[in-house]
Amino acid sequence: MSVGLTYIAAFLFVASLVGGVYMLTRDFGKTSEEERLDVLTGRRRDEQDSESLQSLMKGGDLLKETANGASSLISSISAKFTGLAEYLQQANCNVSPDKFLTMILGGMLIGAVIGWVARLPAPLYPVCGLLVGSVPAIVVWWKRRSRMKSFAAQLPDAMSLIARALRSGHSLASAMNVIVDEMPAPISVEFGMAYEEQNLGIPIERALRGMLKRMPNFDLRFFVTAVAIQKQAGGDLAEILDKIAYVIRERFKILGTVAALTAEGRLSGIVLMALPVGLFIAIYALNAEYVSLLFTDPFGRQMVAGAIFMQILGAVVIKKIVDIKV
């Protein structure tokens, strides 16, 4: 019986792993802008007709209905997370919210199966599921953070470049195109999207507000506000952009100084947060029965709950100490 369960668990693990790799590597389709352009040009309807013809030829109505039911269930869940689509777009991940939530749920299932196969205590199954299921969320968070950081670092140079282009006689739209040609991603990608939007007839203020929605940067808000005011009241936009670039560079200097002064506190926080977890893993590897009292005894469960609460509280306090707003 135990051998059969092991085979079933191994099969579920391999199937979930293959499915997760497939979802990570496949092409997740076109963006909403491309789909709207396909509708205008008439190409999307032809693709839908061909897909419907192929589905009629292949059959499998029961499987299709089951898949549609599961997809609608996940869609209804993802609809409650209104900012998830924007979050994925800010991370430059071409994954829909439905498939992102599916990846998280699949990772949680894989983690629980890994804990069961490794013969860990039953209370650790949800912990393993959360650890593996959080991998897609951590990857998206890391990509978004890196992209935001790169955009913020490139913004002062972009402001100076636009100011020089305006002084040389370029319009604001052509100055934005200069950024697309001269600067690397991600700032060239975002300004390129705004440039293409205004070429399609969208007002440039609205295109810049869309870029601000995709990249919620505090310094970019100054640029969008300056352009909106200059369009209504006039003024020397090049001088304003030079001052914005100077303020951003000075703020980066202060942030560097603050990061150097708080490096010890941040390192202490990382060590203090990782030490209990590492100590638990080491003791469990050496003497599993000694640690199992934390899960079998009622007082041990209370101690685990208290330890988790204190860990979270300590992380919040340390972050408040080292996170200095500039």
Foldseek 3Di string as FASTA:
>chain_A
DVVVVLVVLVVLLVVLVVVLVCLVPDQLDDDPVVVVVCVVVVNVVVVVVVVVVVCVVVDPPVVVVVVVVVLVVLVVVLVVVVCPQLLLLLLVHNDDSSVLVVSLQSQLSSQLSVCVSVVHDPVCSNVRSNVRSCVSVVVSVVSNVVQLVVLLVCLLVLLLQLLVCVVVPDDSLVSLVVCLVPDDPDSNVLSVQLSVVVVVPDDSLVSLVVSCSSRVDPLSVQLSVLVVCCVVPNDNSSVSSNVSSVVSVVVVVVVVVLCVVCVVLVVVLVCVLVVVVVVLVVVCVVPVVVLCCLVPPPVSVVVVVVVVVVSVVSNVVSCVVSDDDD
